[in-house]
Amino acid sequence: MARPREFDETAVIEAAVQCFWTRGYEATTVRDLAESMGITSASLYNAFGDKRALYRRAMDHYIAHSFTDRVKRFEGRLPPKETIRAFFSEIIERSLNDLDRKGCMLVNSALEVAPHDAEFQRVVADVLVQMEAFFHRSVVAGQRDGSITRSQPAEDLARLFMGVFLALRVLARTRPDRPLLEGLVRPALGLLDGG
């Protein structure tokens, strides 16, 4: 009979997220993870498998509690144009409040892990497809209700906003400056009004 786990799985996954997010995948050791999670290396292996398997669990947790959560909180609860504005406003605030300049774990993974790992390349690509779809739904809804201009195709605007998100998260790691970040987003949002 297997012994029950003696730790809060959500809490240790969140600790793993913070460890990977701060250090990156390659620089994080199993010892670093075990220490930050407050468990032994043996418990880590028994509960989560190897470092790569734990990274996948940490990524899934991060995505669910960042992008997926943000979309659920804004989409359908705010008017379409305000949904897009709120999305970027929250990203800017989180970026400015990130004293460790961790950026976005998804974007970090896209740059560090995905180029060398087909599974993580798919994970990142799937989230970016979902992000593009979120922006597309928002733009189409705004074009339908007249709050967003039809001067640009919804597909193009959705892809532009995805690119702005990526640029914003990369810039925030090295230059977390409010005028810079807001200046990056403002012209893109102006396109919603036909500007």
N, C-alpha and C. Protein backbone atom coordinates (compact mmCIF):
# COMPACT_ATOMS: atom_id res chain seq x y z
N MET A 1 0.84 -1.18 0.00
CA MET A 1 0.00 0.00 0.00
C MET A 1 0.89 1.25 0.00
N ALA A 2 0.62 2.18 -0.91
CA ALA A 2 1.43 3.39 -1.02
C ALA A 2 1.12 4.33 0.13
N ARG A 3 2.19 4.98 0.60
CA ARG A 3 2.00 5.97 1.66
C ARG A 3 1.37 7.23 1.08
N PRO A 4 0.46 7.87 1.84
CA PRO A 4 -0.10 9.13 1.34
C PRO A 4 0.97 10.21 1.32
N ARG A 5 0.83 11.15 0.41
CA ARG A 5 1.80 12.24 0.32
C ARG A 5 1.70 13.10 1.57
N GLU A 6 2.86 13.55 2.01
CA GLU A 6 2.91 14.34 3.23
C GLU A 6 3.15 15.81 2.93
N PHE A 7 2.66 16.27 1.79
CA PHE A 7 2.82 17.68 1.45
C PHE A 7 1.61 18.13 0.64
N ASP A 8 1.41 19.43 0.61
CA ASP A 8 0.34 20.05 -0.16
C ASP A 8 0.84 20.16 -1.60
N GLU A 9 0.26 19.36 -2.50
CA GLU A 9 0.75 19.29 -3.88
C GLU A 9 0.69 20.65 -4.58
N THR A 10 -0.39 21.39 -4.37
CA THR A 10 -0.50 22.70 -5.01
C THR A 10 0.60 23.62 -4.54
N ALA A 11 0.87 23.62 -3.23
CA ALA A 11 1.91 24.50 -2.68
C ALA A 11 3.29 24.13 -3.22
N VAL A 12 3.59 22.85 -3.35
CA VAL A 12 4.92 22.48 -3.84
C VAL A 12 5.04 22.75 -5.34
N ILE A 13 3.95 22.61 -6.09
CA ILE A 13 3.99 22.96 -7.52
C ILE A 13 4.22 24.47 -7.67
N GLU A 14 3.53 25.25 -6.84
CA GLU A 14 3.74 26.70 -6.90
C GLU A 14 5.18 27.06 -6.56
N ALA A 15 5.77 26.37 -5.60
CA ALA A 15 7.18 26.60 -5.27
C ALA A 15 8.08 26.22 -6.44
N ALA A 16 7.75 25.13 -7.13
CA ALA A 16 8.52 24.73 -8.31
C ALA A 16 8.40 25.77 -9.42
N VAL A 17 7.19 26.31 -9.62
CA VAL A 17 6.99 27.37 -10.61
C VAL A 17 7.93 28.53 -10.30
N GLN A 18 7.94 28.99 -9.05
CA GLN A 18 8.77 30.13 -8.67
C GLN A 18 10.26 29.83 -8.89
N CYS A 19 10.66 28.63 -8.58
CA CYS A 19 12.07 28.25 -8.75
C CYS A 19 12.46 28.23 -10.23
N PHE A 20 11.68 27.55 -11.05
CA PHE A 20 11.97 27.51 -12.49
C PHE A 20 11.86 28.91 -13.11
N TRP A 21 10.86 29.66 -12.69
CA TRP A 21 10.60 30.98 -13.26
C TRP A 21 11.74 31.93 -12.95
N THR A 22 12.28 31.85 -11.76
CA THR A 22 13.36 32.73 -11.34
C THR A 22 14.69 32.35 -11.97
N ARG A 23 15.00 31.04 -11.97
CA ARG A 23 16.31 30.59 -12.41
C ARG A 23 16.37 30.15 -13.87
N GLY A 24 15.23 29.74 -14.43
CA GLY A 24 15.23 29.14 -15.76
C GLY A 24 15.36 27.63 -15.63
N TYR A 25 15.03 26.93 -16.69
CA TYR A 25 15.04 25.47 -16.65
C TYR A 25 16.45 24.91 -16.45
N GLU A 26 17.37 25.33 -17.31
CA GLU A 26 18.72 24.74 -17.30
C GLU A 26 19.46 25.02 -15.99
N ALA A 27 19.32 26.23 -15.45
CA ALA A 27 20.08 26.60 -14.26
C ALA A 27 19.47 26.03 -12.98
N THR A 28 18.27 25.50 -13.05
CA THR A 28 17.61 24.95 -11.87
C THR A 28 18.01 23.49 -11.69
N THR A 29 18.51 23.16 -10.50
CA THR A 29 18.89 21.78 -10.20
C THR A 29 17.77 21.11 -9.40
N VAL A 30 17.82 19.80 -9.35
CA VAL A 30 16.85 19.05 -8.54
C VAL A 30 17.00 19.47 -7.08
N ARG A 31 18.22 19.70 -6.66
CA ARG A 31 18.45 20.16 -5.27
C ARG A 31 17.76 21.51 -5.04
N ASP A 32 17.90 22.45 -6.00
CA ASP A 32 17.22 23.75 -5.88
C ASP A 32 15.71 23.55 -5.73
N LEU A 33 15.17 22.67 -6.57
CA LEU A 33 13.73 22.41 -6.54
C LEU A 33 13.30 21.82 -5.21
N ALA A 34 14.00 20.80 -4.77
CA ALA A 34 13.64 20.14 -3.51
C ALA A 34 13.69 21.13 -2.35
N GLU A 35 14.72 21.97 -2.33
CA GLU A 35 14.83 22.96 -1.26
C GLU A 35 13.69 23.97 -1.31
N SER A 36 13.40 24.49 -2.50
CA SER A 36 12.34 25.49 -2.60
C SER A 36 10.96 24.88 -2.34
N MET A 37 10.80 23.60 -2.67
CA MET A 37 9.52 22.92 -2.48
C MET A 37 9.36 22.39 -1.06
N GLY A 38 10.46 22.36 -0.31
CA GLY A 38 10.41 21.87 1.05
C GLY A 38 10.21 20.37 1.17
N ILE A 39 10.72 19.64 0.16
CA ILE A 39 10.62 18.17 0.17
C ILE A 39 11.99 17.59 -0.15
N THR A 40 12.15 16.32 0.04
CA THR A 40 13.42 15.68 -0.30
C THR A 40 13.47 15.40 -1.79
N SER A 41 14.68 15.21 -2.29
CA SER A 41 14.84 14.85 -3.70
C SER A 41 14.11 13.55 -4.01
N ALA A 42 14.16 12.59 -3.09
CA ALA A 42 13.48 11.31 -3.30
C ALA A 42 11.98 11.52 -3.41
N SER A 43 11.42 12.39 -2.56
CA SER A 43 9.98 12.68 -2.63
C SER A 43 9.63 13.36 -3.94
N LEU A 44 10.51 14.23 -4.39
CA LEU A 44 10.28 14.91 -5.66
C LEU A 44 10.21 13.89 -6.80
N TYR A 45 11.19 13.01 -6.86
CA TYR A 45 11.20 11.99 -7.92
C TYR A 45 9.99 11.07 -7.81
N ASN A 46 9.66 10.65 -6.59
CA ASN A 46 8.51 9.74 -6.39
C ASN A 46 7.19 10.40 -6.79
N ALA A 47 7.05 11.67 -6.47
CA ALA A 47 5.78 12.35 -6.73
C ALA A 47 5.65 12.89 -8.14
N PHE A 48 6.75 13.37 -8.71
CA PHE A 48 6.66 14.10 -9.97
C PHE A 48 7.50 13.53 -11.10
N GLY A 49 8.32 12.54 -10.83
CA GLY A 49 9.22 12.01 -11.86
C GLY A 49 10.48 12.85 -11.91
N ASP A 50 11.04 13.02 -13.07
CA ASP A 50 12.29 13.77 -13.20
C ASP A 50 12.05 15.27 -13.31
N LYS A 51 13.13 16.02 -13.44
CA LYS A 51 13.06 17.48 -13.52
C LYS A 51 12.20 17.94 -14.69
N ARG A 52 12.34 17.29 -15.83
CA ARG A 52 11.57 17.67 -17.01
C ARG A 52 10.08 17.49 -16.78
N ALA A 53 9.69 16.37 -16.17
CA ALA A 53 8.28 16.11 -15.90
C ALA A 53 7.73 17.15 -14.92
N LEU A 54 8.54 17.52 -13.93
CA LEU A 54 8.11 18.55 -12.98
C LEU A 54 7.99 19.90 -13.69
N TYR A 55 8.89 20.18 -14.61
CA TYR A 55 8.82 21.44 -15.36
C TYR A 55 7.51 21.50 -16.15
N ARG A 56 7.12 20.38 -16.73
CA ARG A 56 5.86 20.35 -17.48
C ARG A 56 4.68 20.65 -16.55
N ARG A 57 4.69 20.04 -15.36
CA ARG A 57 3.62 20.32 -14.38
C ARG A 57 3.64 21.79 -13.97
N ALA A 58 4.84 22.32 -13.76
CA ALA A 58 4.97 23.72 -13.37
C ALA A 58 4.46 24.64 -14.49
N MET A 59 4.79 24.32 -15.74
CA MET A 59 4.31 25.13 -16.87
C MET A 59 2.80 25.09 -16.96
N ASP A 60 2.22 23.91 -16.84
CA ASP A 60 0.76 23.79 -16.89
C ASP A 60 0.11 24.63 -15.80
N HIS A 61 0.69 24.58 -14.60
CA HIS A 61 0.16 25.35 -13.47
C HIS A 61 0.28 26.85 -13.76
N TYR A 62 1.45 27.26 -14.25
CA TYR A 62 1.68 28.67 -14.57
C TYR A 62 0.67 29.16 -15.62
N ILE A 63 0.49 28.40 -16.67
CA ILE A 63 -0.42 28.81 -17.75
C ILE A 63 -1.85 28.93 -17.23
N ALA A 64 -2.27 27.96 -16.42
CA ALA A 64 -3.64 27.99 -15.87
C ALA A 64 -3.86 29.18 -14.96
N HIS A 65 -2.82 29.60 -14.24
CA HIS A 65 -2.97 30.69 -13.28
C HIS A 65 -2.50 32.04 -13.81
N SER A 66 -2.16 32.09 -15.07
CA SER A 66 -1.80 33.38 -15.66
C SER A 66 -2.69 33.63 -16.88
N PHE A 67 -2.30 33.15 -18.04
CA PHE A 67 -3.07 33.44 -19.25
C PHE A 67 -4.51 32.94 -19.16
N THR A 68 -4.71 31.69 -18.83
CA THR A 68 -6.07 31.12 -18.81
C THR A 68 -6.94 31.86 -17.80
N ASP A 69 -6.39 32.12 -16.63
CA ASP A 69 -7.14 32.85 -15.59
C ASP A 69 -7.49 34.26 -16.06
N ARG A 70 -6.55 34.95 -16.69
CA ARG A 70 -6.76 36.32 -17.16
C ARG A 70 -7.89 36.34 -18.20
N VAL A 71 -7.87 35.42 -19.12
CA VAL A 71 -8.92 35.37 -20.14
C VAL A 71 -10.29 35.14 -19.48
N LYS A 72 -10.35 34.21 -18.52
CA LYS A 72 -11.63 33.94 -17.84
C LYS A 72 -12.14 35.16 -17.09
N ARG A 73 -11.25 35.92 -16.50
CA ARG A 73 -11.67 37.10 -15.72
C ARG A 73 -12.16 38.24 -16.60
N PHE A 74 -11.62 38.38 -17.81
CA PHE A 74 -11.96 39.52 -18.64
C PHE A 74 -12.97 39.22 -19.75
N GLU A 75 -12.78 38.12 -20.44
CA GLU A 75 -13.60 37.84 -21.63
C GLU A 75 -15.05 37.60 -21.23
N GLY A 76 -15.97 38.32 -21.88
CA GLY A 76 -17.39 38.16 -21.61
C GLY A 76 -17.87 38.95 -20.41
N ARG A 77 -16.93 39.47 -19.61
CA ARG A 77 -17.32 40.27 -18.44
C ARG A 77 -17.11 41.75 -18.69
N LEU A 78 -16.27 42.07 -19.66
CA LEU A 78 -16.02 43.44 -20.06
C LEU A 78 -16.38 43.58 -21.53
N PRO A 79 -16.69 44.79 -21.98
CA PRO A 79 -16.88 44.99 -23.42
C PRO A 79 -15.62 44.57 -24.16
N PRO A 80 -15.74 44.15 -25.42
CA PRO A 80 -14.59 43.60 -26.15
C PRO A 80 -13.35 44.47 -26.15
N LYS A 81 -13.51 45.76 -26.44
CA LYS A 81 -12.34 46.64 -26.48
C LYS A 81 -11.71 46.75 -25.09
N GLU A 82 -12.54 46.83 -24.06
CA GLU A 82 -12.03 46.93 -22.69
C GLU A 82 -11.36 45.63 -22.26
N THR A 83 -11.80 44.51 -22.80
CA THR A 83 -11.16 43.22 -22.51
C THR A 83 -9.70 43.25 -22.96
N ILE A 84 -9.47 43.76 -24.16
CA ILE A 84 -8.10 43.83 -24.69
C ILE A 84 -7.28 44.82 -23.89
N ARG A 85 -7.87 45.98 -23.59
CA ARG A 85 -7.15 46.99 -22.79
C ARG A 85 -6.80 46.45 -21.41
N ALA A 86 -7.75 45.79 -20.76
CA ALA A 86 -7.52 45.25 -19.41
C ALA A 86 -6.44 44.18 -19.43
N PHE A 87 -6.43 43.36 -20.47
CA PHE A 87 -5.41 42.32 -20.62
C PHE A 87 -4.02 42.96 -20.60
N PHE A 88 -3.83 43.99 -21.43
CA PHE A 88 -2.52 44.62 -21.51
C PHE A 88 -2.20 45.45 -20.27
N SER A 89 -3.20 46.09 -19.71
CA SER A 89 -2.98 46.87 -18.49
C SER A 89 -2.48 45.99 -17.36
N GLU A 90 -3.07 44.81 -17.21
CA GLU A 90 -2.63 43.90 -16.17
C GLU A 90 -1.21 43.40 -16.43
N ILE A 91 -0.89 43.11 -17.67
CA ILE A 91 0.47 42.66 -18.01
C ILE A 91 1.48 43.74 -17.65
N ILE A 92 1.17 45.00 -17.98
CA ILE A 92 2.08 46.09 -17.67
C ILE A 92 2.26 46.22 -16.15
N GLU A 93 1.17 46.19 -15.40
CA GLU A 93 1.28 46.32 -13.94
C GLU A 93 2.09 45.17 -13.34
N ARG A 94 1.83 43.97 -13.78
CA ARG A 94 2.59 42.83 -13.27
C ARG A 94 4.07 42.94 -13.63
N SER A 95 4.35 43.43 -14.82
CA SER A 95 5.74 43.60 -15.25
C SER A 95 6.45 44.63 -14.39
N LEU A 96 5.77 45.74 -14.10
CA LEU A 96 6.38 46.80 -13.31
C LEU A 96 6.56 46.40 -11.85
N ASN A 97 5.70 45.53 -11.36
CA ASN A 97 5.77 45.08 -9.97
C ASN A 97 6.67 43.86 -9.77
N ASP A 98 7.22 43.34 -10.85
CA ASP A 98 8.09 42.16 -10.79
C ASP A 98 9.52 42.61 -10.50
N LEU A 99 9.84 42.75 -9.22
CA LEU A 99 11.15 43.28 -8.82
C LEU A 99 12.29 42.36 -9.24
N ASP A 100 12.01 41.06 -9.41
CA ASP A 100 13.04 40.12 -9.85
C ASP A 100 13.20 40.08 -11.36
N ARG A 101 12.33 40.80 -12.08
CA ARG A 101 12.36 40.84 -13.55
C ARG A 101 12.33 39.43 -14.15
N LYS A 102 11.42 38.62 -13.64
CA LYS A 102 11.30 37.25 -14.14
C LYS A 102 10.66 37.20 -15.51
N GLY A 103 9.89 38.21 -15.87
CA GLY A 103 9.18 38.19 -17.14
C GLY A 103 8.04 37.21 -17.12
N CYS A 104 7.84 36.53 -18.20
CA CYS A 104 6.75 35.56 -18.36
C CYS A 104 7.38 34.18 -18.49
N MET A 105 6.96 33.25 -17.67
CA MET A 105 7.54 31.91 -17.72
C MET A 105 7.30 31.25 -19.08
N LEU A 106 6.16 31.52 -19.70
CA LEU A 106 5.87 30.96 -21.02
C LEU A 106 6.86 31.50 -22.05
N VAL A 107 7.06 32.82 -22.06
CA VAL A 107 7.99 33.44 -23.01
C VAL A 107 9.41 32.97 -22.72
N ASN A 108 9.76 32.89 -21.43
CA ASN A 108 11.09 32.40 -21.07
C ASN A 108 11.30 30.98 -21.62
N SER A 109 10.27 30.16 -21.49
CA SER A 109 10.35 28.78 -21.99
C SER A 109 10.45 28.77 -23.52
N ALA A 110 9.74 29.68 -24.17
CA ALA A 110 9.81 29.76 -25.63
C ALA A 110 11.24 30.03 -26.10
N LEU A 111 11.96 30.82 -25.32
CA LEU A 111 13.32 31.18 -25.70
C LEU A 111 14.37 30.16 -25.24
N GLU A 112 14.16 29.56 -24.06
CA GLU A 112 15.18 28.69 -23.49
C GLU A 112 14.98 27.22 -23.81
N VAL A 113 13.75 26.72 -23.66
CA VAL A 113 13.51 25.28 -23.73
C VAL A 113 12.93 24.84 -25.07
N ALA A 114 11.94 25.57 -25.55
CA ALA A 114 11.21 25.14 -26.74
C ALA A 114 12.08 24.90 -27.98
N PRO A 115 13.14 25.69 -28.21
CA PRO A 115 13.95 25.44 -29.40
C PRO A 115 14.63 24.07 -29.42
N HIS A 116 14.76 23.45 -28.23
CA HIS A 116 15.49 22.19 -28.12
C HIS A 116 14.61 21.01 -27.70
N ASP A 117 13.31 21.25 -27.56
CA ASP A 117 12.42 20.23 -27.02
C ASP A 117 11.07 20.31 -27.73
N ALA A 118 10.77 19.32 -28.53
CA ALA A 118 9.55 19.34 -29.34
C ALA A 118 8.28 19.42 -28.50
N GLU A 119 8.27 18.75 -27.36
CA GLU A 119 7.07 18.80 -26.51
C GLU A 119 6.82 20.21 -26.00
N PHE A 120 7.85 20.87 -25.52
CA PHE A 120 7.68 22.23 -25.00
C PHE A 120 7.45 23.23 -26.13
N GLN A 121 7.95 22.93 -27.30
CA GLN A 121 7.64 23.77 -28.46
C GLN A 121 6.14 23.73 -28.72
N ARG A 122 5.55 22.53 -28.63
CA ARG A 122 4.09 22.39 -28.81
C ARG A 122 3.31 23.09 -27.70
N VAL A 123 3.79 22.96 -26.45
CA VAL A 123 3.11 23.61 -25.32
C VAL A 123 3.05 25.11 -25.54
N VAL A 124 4.20 25.71 -25.86
CA VAL A 124 4.25 27.15 -26.08
C VAL A 124 3.39 27.53 -27.29
N ALA A 125 3.53 26.80 -28.38
CA ALA A 125 2.76 27.10 -29.59
C ALA A 125 1.26 27.02 -29.32
N ASP A 126 0.83 26.01 -28.54
CA ASP A 126 -0.59 25.87 -28.23
C ASP A 126 -1.12 27.07 -27.46
N VAL A 127 -0.35 27.56 -26.50
CA VAL A 127 -0.80 28.73 -25.72
C VAL A 127 -0.85 29.96 -26.62
N LEU A 128 0.12 30.11 -27.51
CA LEU A 128 0.11 31.26 -28.41
C LEU A 128 -1.07 31.18 -29.38
N VAL A 129 -1.44 29.99 -29.80
CA VAL A 129 -2.64 29.82 -30.64
C VAL A 129 -3.88 30.23 -29.84
N GLN A 130 -3.95 29.81 -28.57
CA GLN A 130 -5.08 30.20 -27.72
C GLN A 130 -5.12 31.71 -27.51
N MET A 131 -3.94 32.32 -27.35
CA MET A 131 -3.88 33.76 -27.17
C MET A 131 -4.36 34.49 -28.42
N GLU A 132 -3.89 34.05 -29.57
CA GLU A 132 -4.35 34.65 -30.82
C GLU A 132 -5.86 34.50 -30.96
N ALA A 133 -6.40 33.34 -30.60
CA ALA A 133 -7.84 33.11 -30.67
C ALA A 133 -8.60 34.03 -29.72
N PHE A 134 -8.06 34.25 -28.52
CA PHE A 134 -8.69 35.17 -27.55
C PHE A 134 -8.76 36.58 -28.14
N PHE A 135 -7.64 37.07 -28.67
CA PHE A 135 -7.64 38.40 -29.27
C PHE A 135 -8.59 38.45 -30.47
N HIS A 136 -8.60 37.40 -31.28
CA HIS A 136 -9.48 37.36 -32.45
C HIS A 136 -10.94 37.43 -32.02
N ARG A 137 -11.31 36.62 -31.02
CA ARG A 137 -12.71 36.65 -30.52
C ARG A 137 -13.08 38.05 -30.03
N SER A 138 -12.16 38.68 -29.31
CA SER A 138 -12.43 40.01 -28.76
C SER A 138 -12.61 41.03 -29.87
N VAL A 139 -11.72 41.00 -30.87
CA VAL A 139 -11.81 41.95 -31.98
C VAL A 139 -13.10 41.72 -32.77
N VAL A 140 -13.41 40.48 -33.09
CA VAL A 140 -14.63 40.18 -33.85
C VAL A 140 -15.86 40.66 -33.07
N ALA A 141 -15.90 40.41 -31.77
CA ALA A 141 -17.04 40.86 -30.96
C ALA A 141 -17.15 42.38 -30.98
N GLY A 142 -16.02 43.08 -30.89
CA GLY A 142 -16.03 44.53 -30.95
C GLY A 142 -16.40 45.07 -32.32
N GLN A 143 -15.98 44.39 -33.36
CA GLN A 143 -16.37 44.81 -34.71
C GLN A 143 -17.87 44.60 -34.92
N ARG A 144 -18.40 43.54 -34.33
CA ARG A 144 -19.85 43.28 -34.42
C ARG A 144 -20.66 44.36 -33.71
N ASP A 145 -20.21 44.74 -32.50
CA ASP A 145 -21.01 45.72 -31.74
C ASP A 145 -20.64 47.16 -32.09
N GLY A 146 -19.69 47.36 -32.99
CA GLY A 146 -19.34 48.69 -33.46
C GLY A 146 -18.32 49.43 -32.60
N SER A 147 -17.81 48.81 -31.54
CA SER A 147 -16.85 49.48 -30.67
C SER A 147 -15.42 49.40 -31.21
N ILE A 148 -15.19 48.50 -32.15
CA ILE A 148 -13.88 48.35 -32.78
C ILE A 148 -14.06 48.51 -34.29
N THR A 149 -13.18 49.31 -34.87
CA THR A 149 -13.26 49.57 -36.31
C THR A 149 -13.07 48.29 -37.12
N ARG A 150 -13.63 48.32 -38.31
CA ARG A 150 -13.44 47.21 -39.25
C ARG A 150 -12.35 47.54 -40.27
N SER A 151 -11.58 48.60 -40.01
CA SER A 151 -10.57 49.03 -41.00
C SER A 151 -9.40 48.05 -41.09
N GLN A 152 -9.23 47.20 -40.09
CA GLN A 152 -8.18 46.17 -40.13
C GLN A 152 -8.85 44.81 -39.95
N PRO A 153 -8.39 43.79 -40.66
CA PRO A 153 -8.96 42.45 -40.46
C PRO A 153 -8.71 41.96 -39.02
N ALA A 154 -9.70 41.29 -38.48
CA ALA A 154 -9.59 40.77 -37.11
C ALA A 154 -8.39 39.85 -36.97
N GLU A 155 -8.10 39.05 -37.99
CA GLU A 155 -6.97 38.13 -37.94
C GLU A 155 -5.65 38.89 -37.77
N ASP A 156 -5.51 39.99 -38.52
CA ASP A 156 -4.27 40.78 -38.44
C ASP A 156 -4.12 41.43 -37.07
N LEU A 157 -5.22 41.98 -36.55
CA LEU A 157 -5.15 42.61 -35.23
C LEU A 157 -4.82 41.58 -34.15
N ALA A 158 -5.41 40.41 -34.24
CA ALA A 158 -5.14 39.36 -33.25
C ALA A 158 -3.67 38.99 -33.26
N ARG A 159 -3.09 38.86 -34.43
CA ARG A 159 -1.67 38.51 -34.53
C ARG A 159 -0.78 39.65 -34.05
N LEU A 160 -1.18 40.88 -34.37
CA LEU A 160 -0.43 42.03 -33.88
C LEU A 160 -0.42 42.06 -32.35
N PHE A 161 -1.58 41.85 -31.73
CA PHE A 161 -1.66 41.89 -30.27
C PHE A 161 -0.84 40.77 -29.63
N MET A 162 -0.82 39.61 -30.27
CA MET A 162 0.02 38.53 -29.76
C MET A 162 1.49 38.95 -29.82
N GLY A 163 1.90 39.58 -30.91
CA GLY A 163 3.27 40.07 -31.03
C GLY A 163 3.59 41.15 -30.02
N VAL A 164 2.64 42.04 -29.76
CA VAL A 164 2.83 43.09 -28.76
C VAL A 164 3.00 42.46 -27.37
N PHE A 165 2.19 41.44 -27.07
CA PHE A 165 2.33 40.74 -25.80
C PHE A 165 3.75 40.19 -25.65
N LEU A 166 4.25 39.51 -26.67
CA LEU A 166 5.59 38.91 -26.61
C LEU A 166 6.66 39.99 -26.43
N ALA A 167 6.56 41.06 -27.19
CA ALA A 167 7.53 42.15 -27.08
C ALA A 167 7.47 42.78 -25.69
N LEU A 168 6.28 42.98 -25.18
CA LEU A 168 6.09 43.58 -23.86
C LEU A 168 6.76 42.74 -22.77
N ARG A 169 6.56 41.43 -22.83
CA ARG A 169 7.12 40.55 -21.80
C ARG A 169 8.64 40.46 -21.90
N VAL A 170 9.19 40.54 -23.10
CA VAL A 170 10.65 40.52 -23.25
C VAL A 170 11.24 41.84 -22.78
N LEU A 171 10.66 42.96 -23.20
CA LEU A 171 11.16 44.26 -22.78
C LEU A 171 11.11 44.44 -21.27
N ALA A 172 10.06 43.93 -20.65
CA ALA A 172 9.89 44.11 -19.21
C ALA A 172 11.01 43.45 -18.40
N ARG A 173 11.69 42.48 -18.98
CA ARG A 173 12.79 41.83 -18.26
C ARG A 173 14.02 42.73 -18.17
N THR A 174 14.22 43.57 -19.16
CA THR A 174 15.42 44.40 -19.17
C THR A 174 15.13 45.89 -18.99
N ARG A 175 13.96 46.33 -19.41
CA ARG A 175 13.62 47.76 -19.30
C ARG A 175 12.19 47.92 -18.79
N PRO A 176 11.94 47.58 -17.53
CA PRO A 176 10.58 47.69 -16.99
C PRO A 176 10.24 49.15 -16.66
N ASP A 177 10.02 49.91 -17.70
CA ASP A 177 9.78 51.34 -17.61
C ASP A 177 8.36 51.62 -18.10
N ARG A 178 7.52 52.24 -17.24
CA ARG A 178 6.12 52.45 -17.60
C ARG A 178 5.94 53.18 -18.94
N PRO A 179 6.59 54.33 -19.16
CA PRO A 179 6.39 55.00 -20.45
C PRO A 179 6.76 54.11 -21.65
N LEU A 180 7.82 53.32 -21.51
CA LEU A 180 8.22 52.43 -22.60
C LEU A 180 7.15 51.38 -22.85
N LEU A 181 6.70 50.70 -21.80
CA LEU A 181 5.73 49.61 -21.96
C LEU A 181 4.38 50.14 -22.44
N GLU A 182 3.92 51.24 -21.85
CA GLU A 182 2.65 51.82 -22.29
C GLU A 182 2.75 52.36 -23.71
N GLY A 183 3.93 52.91 -24.05
CA GLY A 183 4.14 53.42 -25.41
C GLY A 183 4.17 52.32 -26.46
N LEU A 184 4.55 51.12 -26.04
CA LEU A 184 4.51 49.98 -26.96
C LEU A 184 3.06 49.56 -27.23
N VAL A 185 2.25 49.58 -26.20
CA VAL A 185 0.87 49.08 -26.32
C VAL A 185 -0.07 50.14 -26.93
N ARG A 186 0.12 51.40 -26.58
CA ARG A 186 -0.83 52.45 -26.97
C ARG A 186 -1.10 52.52 -28.48
N PRO A 187 -0.08 52.53 -29.35
CA PRO A 187 -0.39 52.59 -30.78
C PRO A 187 -1.15 51.38 -31.29
N ALA A 188 -0.85 50.22 -30.72
CA ALA A 188 -1.58 49.01 -31.14
C ALA A 188 -3.04 49.12 -30.75
N LEU A 189 -3.31 49.60 -29.53
CA LEU A 189 -4.70 49.77 -29.10
C LEU A 189 -5.40 50.83 -29.92
N GLY A 190 -4.63 51.83 -30.38
CA GLY A 190 -5.21 52.89 -31.22
C GLY A 190 -5.78 52.34 -32.52
N LEU A 191 -5.26 51.22 -32.99
CA LEU A 191 -5.79 50.61 -34.21
C LEU A 191 -7.22 50.11 -34.03
N LEU A 192 -7.61 49.86 -32.79
CA LEU A 192 -9.00 49.44 -32.54
C LEU A 192 -9.99 50.54 -32.88
N ASP A 193 -9.52 51.80 -32.78
CA ASP A 193 -10.37 52.96 -33.09
C ASP A 193 -10.19 53.44 -34.53
N GLY A 194 -9.36 52.73 -35.27
CA GLY A 194 -9.12 53.12 -36.66
C GLY A 194 -7.94 54.05 -36.80
N GLY A 195 -7.17 54.23 -35.70
CA GLY A 195 -6.03 55.14 -35.72
C GLY A 195 -4.82 54.51 -36.37
